[in-house]
Amino acid sequence: MALLRFENIGLRAVSATVPHRVVKTRSLTEYYSEEEIEKFISATGVEERRFIDKDKSASDLCYKSACQIFDETDINRKDIDALFYISQTPDYKIPGSSIILQDKLGLSKSTIVYDINMSCSGFIHGLLMAYNFLQHADINNVMVMVGETLSKMISLQDKSTGKLLGDAGTVAVISKGVQYGESFFSICTEGDNINSVIIKGGGAKIPSSPETLKMQKWGDGSIRNLEQIIIVGDDVFSFAISVLPRDIKNLLEFAGKSIDEIDKYAFHQANNYMTNYIVKKAKGNPDKLLQSIQKYGNTAGTSIPLCLVENRDKINTNDSILMNAIGAGFAYGTALLNIADCKILKLQEL
């Protein structure tokens, strides 16, 4: 476990864009019975999601979010010293999407850019990288983009993902300022769980072929191919409820805070049942939990910033925000930071 403390760094702006196409969970009666659908909605909270058009990508969603920040805040393109693009659905295998976005946005050629794949915990990892970079004197503003078009990686007939995952693109700018005070991070990785969330086909180990694209029926009745996401829900749930409340406790002890002192919780929107269970086990107040899963589903690493945007009217200046997420692997982490002069912009559609 890595416990880290930072001073005078924080969120300056957050924006989010979702596709215009709405997919209602109750519309999936071609694949599931009404009873299955209602049981799923009751457990997860997912009533609808957004799916991207076939000719669009996650970087398009992030591009629109970035332009909104430049148009609606005092942040300029020349101010961005580094850009981190976090995604499991890059535009191409080569080159990285961060390189494409640096040029498309007209950022300086001296901008430091990286592509990062940390699945559902990606936003917390991106924040941590930004905070580390901002400790350097010549780095003043870091743009963290998280974009996912998971609809292109699932089978609607997969019982674990077909009704759960959705698309979004978010952007956060992290900057220096005494108004932000102290921020705290806990980062952990337990890499012996890689088969619990995985796409087995299409990579270097199992290259794409007609066989990896062949739709197959699996033991639980799901129909998917080897290039679509596998999520073993029981594995994720049992691991998450055992480690995440403890990680929250460890971070709060490190920060010298009690959970009662925290104003809002913005957790990864995995599903309502799991998120509420984690809050309860961490002895938190469920009324402080921000949620967006009912409208957008599980959008992986975009879910925390998307949740902030969706709940922008509930977040006050000087609120303390507790963030927590678990991603494939498992890689997981918790962050505690303060909302000072952050501009949380209105949600956009593409």
Protein backbone atom coordinates (compact mmCIF):
# COMPACT_ATOMS: atom_id res chain seq x y z
CA MET A 1 0.00 0.00 0.00
CA ALA A 2 1.27 3.45 -0.96
CA LEU A 3 0.00 6.31 1.20
CA LEU A 4 0.82 9.76 -0.16
CA ARG A 5 0.21 13.33 0.96
CA PHE A 6 0.27 16.48 -1.20
CA GLU A 7 -0.12 20.18 -0.46
CA ASN A 8 -1.58 23.04 -2.49
CA ILE A 9 -2.67 20.99 -5.52
CA GLY A 10 -6.27 20.39 -6.55
CA LEU A 11 -9.06 20.21 -9.11
CA ARG A 12 -9.43 23.42 -11.10
CA ALA A 13 -12.07 22.27 -13.60
CA VAL A 14 -14.09 19.17 -14.48
CA SER A 15 -16.23 18.48 -17.55
CA ALA A 16 -18.01 15.48 -19.03
CA THR A 17 -19.61 14.50 -22.33
CA VAL A 18 -21.91 11.55 -22.99
CA PRO A 19 -23.26 10.21 -26.31
CA HIS A 20 -26.71 11.39 -27.36
CA ARG A 21 -28.03 7.84 -27.84
CA VAL A 22 -29.96 6.56 -24.82
CA VAL A 23 -30.34 2.79 -24.29
CA LYS A 24 -33.06 1.91 -21.78
CA THR A 25 -32.47 -1.24 -19.76
CA ARG A 26 -36.13 -2.17 -20.06
CA SER A 27 -35.78 -2.13 -23.87
CA LEU A 28 -33.58 -5.26 -23.82
CA THR A 29 -36.48 -7.73 -23.80
CA GLU A 30 -35.07 -9.35 -26.95
CA TYR A 31 -32.34 -10.84 -24.79
CA TYR A 32 -33.74 -10.95 -21.25
CA SER A 33 -37.06 -11.65 -19.57
CA GLU A 34 -38.86 -8.78 -17.83
CA GLU A 35 -38.19 -10.51 -14.52
CA GLU A 36 -34.43 -10.64 -15.21
CA ILE A 37 -34.41 -6.98 -16.19
CA GLU A 38 -36.31 -5.80 -13.11
CA LYS A 39 -34.09 -7.84 -10.82
CA PHE A 40 -31.01 -6.33 -12.48
CA ILE A 41 -32.30 -2.76 -12.15
CA SER A 42 -33.17 -3.33 -8.50
CA ALA A 43 -29.65 -4.60 -7.72
CA THR A 44 -27.55 -2.25 -9.84
CA GLY A 45 -29.68 0.86 -10.26
CA VAL A 46 -28.95 1.01 -14.02
CA GLU A 47 -32.09 2.23 -15.76
CA GLU A 48 -30.39 3.57 -18.88
CA ARG A 49 -26.99 4.13 -20.49
CA ARG A 50 -25.43 6.10 -23.35
CA PHE A 51 -23.93 4.37 -26.41
CA ILE A 52 -21.58 6.11 -28.85
CA ASP A 53 -22.24 6.27 -32.61
CA LYS A 54 -20.24 3.76 -34.67
CA ASP A 55 -18.11 6.45 -36.32
CA LYS A 56 -17.19 8.16 -33.04
CA SER A 57 -14.61 7.27 -30.37
CA ALA A 58 -13.83 7.95 -26.73
CA SER A 59 -11.32 10.62 -27.74
CA ASP A 60 -14.13 12.52 -29.49
CA LEU A 61 -16.03 12.66 -26.21
CA CYS A 62 -12.92 13.86 -24.36
CA TYR A 63 -12.13 16.41 -27.07
CA LYS A 64 -15.55 18.01 -26.65
CA SER A 65 -15.11 18.04 -22.85
CA ALA A 66 -11.69 19.72 -23.19
CA CYS A 67 -13.05 22.36 -25.56
CA GLN A 68 -15.78 23.14 -23.04
CA ILE A 69 -13.15 23.81 -20.39
CA PHE A 70 -11.24 26.14 -22.71
CA ASP A 71 -14.45 27.90 -23.74
CA GLU A 72 -16.09 28.28 -20.32
CA THR A 73 -13.18 28.81 -17.88
CA ASP A 74 -10.09 31.01 -17.76
CA ILE A 75 -7.86 28.02 -18.63
CA ASN A 76 -6.10 28.43 -21.98
CA ARG A 77 -4.56 25.87 -24.29
CA LYS A 78 -1.10 27.34 -23.69
CA ASP A 79 -1.54 26.72 -19.94
CA ILE A 80 -1.54 22.91 -20.27
CA ASP A 81 1.86 21.44 -19.41
CA ALA A 82 0.88 17.74 -19.50
CA LEU A 83 -1.99 15.64 -20.85
CA PHE A 84 -2.77 12.12 -19.62
CA TYR A 85 -5.31 10.12 -21.61
CA ILE A 86 -6.74 7.16 -19.71
CA SER A 87 -8.74 4.57 -21.64
CA GLN A 88 -9.28 0.91 -22.43
CA THR A 89 -10.74 1.92 -25.80
CA PRO A 90 -8.05 3.95 -27.62
CA ASP A 91 -8.64 5.17 -31.16
CA TYR A 92 -5.84 2.98 -32.51
CA LYS A 93 -3.27 0.51 -31.22
CA ILE A 94 -0.66 2.92 -32.60
CA PRO A 95 -0.33 5.90 -32.11
CA GLY A 96 -1.58 6.77 -28.65
CA SER A 97 -4.72 8.88 -28.39
CA SER A 98 -2.95 11.42 -26.16
CA ILE A 99 -0.73 12.31 -29.13
CA ILE A 100 -3.76 12.74 -31.38
CA LEU A 101 -5.49 14.95 -28.82
CA GLN A 102 -2.43 17.14 -28.23
CA ASP A 103 -2.47 18.06 -31.92
CA LYS A 104 -6.26 18.24 -32.30
CA LEU A 105 -6.57 20.59 -29.31
CA GLY A 106 -3.70 22.77 -30.49
CA LEU A 107 -1.65 22.29 -27.34
CA SER A 108 2.00 23.26 -27.19
CA LYS A 109 4.49 20.89 -28.78
CA SER A 110 6.27 20.86 -25.42
CA THR A 111 3.21 19.34 -23.73
CA ILE A 112 4.04 16.05 -21.99
CA VAL A 113 1.55 13.36 -23.07
CA TYR A 114 0.89 9.79 -21.95
CA ASP A 115 -1.64 7.06 -22.67
CA ILE A 116 -2.64 5.05 -19.60
CA ASN A 117 -4.79 1.92 -19.24
CA MET A 118 -5.95 1.45 -15.64
CA SER A 119 -9.59 0.47 -16.28
CA CYS A 120 -12.13 1.50 -13.62
CA SER A 121 -9.56 2.95 -11.21
CA GLY A 122 -8.06 5.10 -13.98
CA PHE A 123 -9.24 8.48 -12.73
CA ILE A 124 -7.61 8.05 -9.33
CA HIS A 125 -4.38 6.88 -10.98
CA GLY A 126 -4.53 9.83 -13.37
CA LEU A 127 -5.04 12.23 -10.49
CA LEU A 128 -2.07 10.76 -8.65
CA MET A 129 0.17 11.15 -11.71
CA ALA A 130 -0.98 14.75 -12.09
CA TYR A 131 -0.31 15.53 -8.45
CA ASN A 132 3.20 14.06 -8.74
CA PHE A 133 3.99 16.07 -11.87
CA LEU A 134 2.70 19.25 -10.25
CA GLN A 135 5.33 19.04 -7.55
CA HIS A 136 7.81 20.25 -10.19
CA ALA A 137 8.33 24.00 -10.44
CA ASP A 138 7.76 24.22 -14.20
CA ILE A 139 4.54 22.16 -14.25
CA ASN A 140 1.47 24.25 -13.37
CA ASN A 141 -1.54 22.63 -15.08
CA VAL A 142 -2.16 18.98 -15.96
CA MET A 143 -5.13 17.77 -18.01
CA VAL A 144 -6.42 14.31 -17.09
CA MET A 145 -8.76 12.81 -19.67
CA VAL A 146 -10.70 9.60 -19.12
CA GLY A 147 -12.67 8.25 -22.07
CA GLU A 148 -14.45 4.94 -22.56
CA THR A 149 -16.66 3.51 -25.29
CA LEU A 150 -17.36 0.22 -23.56
CA SER A 151 -20.45 -0.34 -25.73
CA LYS A 152 -18.01 -1.36 -28.48
CA MET A 153 -16.46 -4.01 -26.24
CA ILE A 154 -19.51 -5.82 -24.90
CA SER A 155 -22.13 -8.27 -26.05
CA LEU A 156 -25.68 -7.24 -25.17
CA GLN A 157 -26.25 -10.92 -24.51
CA ASP A 158 -23.59 -11.08 -21.81
CA LYS A 159 -25.31 -11.41 -18.44
CA SER A 160 -22.56 -9.57 -16.55
CA THR A 161 -21.88 -6.64 -18.92
CA GLY A 162 -24.68 -6.43 -21.48
CA LYS A 163 -26.98 -4.40 -19.23
CA LEU A 164 -24.28 -2.66 -17.19
CA LEU A 165 -21.57 -0.81 -19.14
CA GLY A 166 -21.86 2.53 -20.92
CA ASP A 167 -19.87 5.30 -22.63
CA ALA A 168 -18.58 8.72 -21.53
CA GLY A 169 -15.62 11.09 -21.85
CA THR A 170 -14.39 13.34 -19.05
CA VAL A 171 -11.68 15.93 -18.53
CA ALA A 172 -10.20 17.34 -15.33
CA VAL A 173 -7.57 20.06 -15.03
CA ILE A 174 -5.40 19.83 -11.92
CA SER A 175 -3.46 22.91 -10.85
CA LYS A 176 -1.48 24.50 -8.03
CA GLY A 177 -3.00 26.78 -5.39
CA VAL A 178 -2.85 27.34 -1.65
CA GLN A 179 -6.65 27.19 -1.55
CA TYR A 180 -6.58 23.41 -2.11
CA GLY A 181 -4.79 22.57 1.13
CA GLU A 182 -3.85 18.93 1.72
CA SER A 183 -4.81 15.95 -0.46
CA PHE A 184 -4.27 12.26 0.31
CA PHE A 185 -3.98 9.09 -1.80
CA SER A 186 -3.88 5.36 -1.17
CA ILE A 187 -2.93 3.15 -4.12
CA CYS A 188 -2.86 -0.67 -4.09
CA THR A 189 -2.47 -3.44 -6.67
CA GLU A 190 -3.17 -7.16 -6.29
CA GLY A 191 -2.31 -8.55 -9.70
CA ASP A 192 -3.21 -12.18 -9.06
CA ASN A 193 -6.81 -11.41 -10.08
CA ILE A 194 -6.34 -10.69 -13.79
CA ASN A 195 -8.92 -13.24 -14.95
CA SER A 196 -11.78 -11.60 -13.04
CA VAL A 197 -12.03 -8.68 -15.51
CA ILE A 198 -10.36 -9.38 -18.84
CA ILE A 199 -10.55 -9.34 -22.63
CA LYS A 200 -8.62 -12.44 -23.60
CA GLY A 201 -8.60 -12.12 -27.38
CA GLY A 202 -7.23 -9.47 -29.70
CA GLY A 203 -3.94 -8.78 -27.92
CA ALA A 204 -0.43 -10.11 -28.41
CA LYS A 205 -1.07 -13.27 -26.38
CA ILE A 206 -4.13 -14.30 -28.38
CA PRO A 207 -4.11 -12.27 -31.63
CA SER A 208 -7.35 -11.33 -33.34
CA SER A 209 -8.64 -14.06 -35.65
CA PRO A 210 -11.94 -15.48 -36.91
CA GLU A 211 -11.87 -17.75 -33.86
CA THR A 212 -11.57 -14.86 -31.34
CA LEU A 213 -14.50 -13.10 -33.07
CA LYS A 214 -16.76 -16.16 -33.05
CA MET A 215 -19.75 -15.75 -30.76
CA GLN A 216 -19.90 -18.51 -28.14
CA LYS A 217 -22.35 -19.56 -25.45
CA TRP A 218 -20.79 -19.71 -21.99
CA GLY A 219 -21.68 -21.58 -18.82
CA ASP A 220 -23.87 -18.84 -17.37
CA GLY A 221 -25.88 -18.60 -20.60
CA SER A 222 -24.06 -15.49 -21.84
CA ILE A 223 -23.21 -15.15 -25.54
CA ARG A 224 -20.00 -13.27 -26.37
CA ASN A 225 -16.70 -13.62 -28.19
CA LEU A 226 -13.13 -13.58 -26.88
CA GLU A 227 -12.66 -9.92 -27.84
CA GLN A 228 -15.47 -8.76 -25.55
CA ILE A 229 -15.17 -7.99 -21.84
CA ILE A 230 -15.49 -10.76 -19.30
CA ILE A 231 -16.45 -9.66 -15.79
CA VAL A 232 -16.78 -12.28 -13.07
CA GLY A 233 -19.15 -10.29 -10.91
CA ASP A 234 -18.88 -12.46 -7.81
CA ASP A 235 -15.09 -12.09 -7.83
CA VAL A 236 -15.26 -8.31 -8.10
CA PHE A 237 -17.94 -7.97 -5.44
CA SER A 238 -16.33 -10.23 -2.84
CA PHE A 239 -12.91 -8.61 -3.34
CA ALA A 240 -14.27 -5.06 -3.31
CA ILE A 241 -16.30 -5.36 -0.13
CA SER A 242 -13.38 -6.96 1.68
CA VAL A 243 -10.63 -4.48 0.71
CA LEU A 244 -12.20 -1.14 -0.19
CA PRO A 245 -13.70 -0.28 3.22
CA ARG A 246 -10.32 -1.11 4.76
CA ASP A 247 -8.55 1.07 2.21
CA ILE A 248 -10.88 3.95 3.04
CA LYS A 249 -10.20 3.47 6.75
CA ASN A 250 -6.42 3.39 6.20
CA LEU A 251 -6.47 6.58 4.13
CA LEU A 252 -8.63 8.46 6.62
CA GLU A 253 -6.35 7.44 9.48
CA PHE A 254 -3.36 8.65 7.43
CA ALA A 255 -5.16 11.96 6.82
CA GLY A 256 -6.17 12.30 10.45
CA LYS A 257 -9.84 12.42 9.53
CA SER A 258 -12.96 10.49 10.46
CA ILE A 259 -15.49 9.54 7.80
CA ASP A 260 -18.05 11.72 9.60
CA GLU A 261 -15.93 14.77 8.73
CA ILE A 262 -16.12 14.12 4.98
CA ASP A 263 -18.75 16.10 3.06
CA LYS A 264 -19.32 13.96 -0.05
CA TYR A 265 -18.38 10.52 -1.42
CA ALA A 266 -17.76 10.09 -5.17
CA PHE A 267 -17.13 6.37 -5.61
CA HIS A 268 -16.71 4.39 -8.83
CA GLN A 269 -20.21 3.64 -10.09
CA ALA A 270 -19.83 -0.13 -10.32
CA ASN A 271 -23.36 -0.93 -9.18
CA ASN A 272 -25.60 0.43 -6.47
CA TYR A 273 -25.60 -2.66 -4.31
CA MET A 274 -21.80 -2.83 -4.11
CA THR A 275 -21.33 0.92 -3.62
CA ASN A 276 -23.93 1.11 -0.85
CA TYR A 277 -22.41 -1.95 0.83
CA ILE A 278 -18.95 -0.31 0.83
CA VAL A 279 -20.38 2.89 2.37
CA LYS A 280 -22.16 0.90 5.05
CA LYS A 281 -19.09 -1.21 5.86
CA ALA A 282 -16.93 1.92 6.02
CA LYS A 283 -19.48 3.35 8.50
CA GLY A 284 -20.24 6.24 6.19
CA ASN A 285 -23.43 8.25 5.75
CA PRO A 286 -25.37 7.04 2.66
CA ASP A 287 -26.87 10.52 2.25
CA LYS A 288 -23.40 11.81 1.34
CA LEU A 289 -23.00 9.34 -1.55
CA LEU A 290 -23.18 10.91 -5.02
CA GLN A 291 -24.67 8.67 -7.70
CA SER A 292 -25.02 8.72 -11.48
CA ILE A 293 -25.21 5.03 -12.38
CA GLN A 294 -28.98 5.10 -12.87
CA LYS A 295 -28.59 7.31 -15.96
CA TYR A 296 -25.23 6.23 -17.39
CA GLY A 297 -24.43 2.75 -16.08
CA ASN A 298 -20.91 1.70 -15.19
CA THR A 299 -18.65 3.87 -17.36
CA ALA A 300 -15.37 2.51 -15.93
CA GLY A 301 -12.71 5.15 -15.20
CA THR A 302 -14.96 8.01 -16.30
CA SER A 303 -17.54 7.28 -13.60
CA ILE A 304 -16.10 9.44 -10.79
CA PRO A 305 -15.68 12.68 -12.79
CA LEU A 306 -18.99 11.99 -14.57
CA CYS A 307 -20.59 11.60 -11.14
CA LEU A 308 -19.16 14.96 -10.07
CA VAL A 309 -20.61 16.64 -13.16
CA GLU A 310 -23.99 14.93 -12.79
CA ASN A 311 -24.16 16.11 -9.16
CA ARG A 312 -22.60 19.55 -9.67
CA ASP A 313 -25.50 21.28 -7.90
CA LYS A 314 -24.91 19.20 -4.76
CA ILE A 315 -21.21 20.02 -4.42
CA ASN A 316 -20.28 23.14 -2.50
CA THR A 317 -17.11 25.20 -2.36
CA ASN A 318 -14.82 23.85 0.37
CA ASP A 319 -16.46 20.41 0.35
CA SER A 320 -14.15 17.52 1.10
CA ILE A 321 -14.58 14.68 -1.42
CA LEU A 322 -13.73 11.03 -0.77
CA MET A 323 -13.10 9.05 -3.96
CA ASN A 324 -12.70 5.28 -4.24
CA ALA A 325 -12.43 2.86 -7.16
CA ILE A 326 -11.42 -0.65 -8.09
CA GLY A 327 -10.28 -1.71 -11.55
CA ALA A 328 -9.20 -4.80 -13.46
CA GLY A 329 -6.31 -6.69 -12.01
CA PHE A 330 -7.22 -5.71 -9.27
CA ALA A 331 -5.83 -2.17 -9.02
CA TYR A 332 -7.67 -0.01 -6.52
CA GLY A 333 -7.29 3.24 -4.65
CA THR A 334 -8.80 5.96 -2.52
CA ALA A 335 -8.31 9.72 -2.64
CA LEU A 336 -9.36 12.56 -0.35
CA LEU A 337 -9.27 16.11 -1.68
CA ASN A 338 -10.93 19.47 -1.22
CA ILE A 339 -13.17 21.32 -3.66
CA ALA A 340 -11.99 24.93 -3.59
CA ASP A 341 -12.47 27.07 -6.71
CA CYS A 342 -13.19 24.10 -9.01
CA LYS A 343 -15.41 24.81 -12.01
CA ILE A 344 -17.68 21.79 -12.47
CA LEU A 345 -19.26 22.38 -15.85
CA LYS A 346 -22.65 21.34 -17.17
CA LEU A 347 -22.91 17.95 -18.84
CA GLN A 348 -22.70 17.91 -22.65
CA GLU A 349 -23.87 15.47 -25.33
CA LEU A 350 -22.18 14.40 -28.56
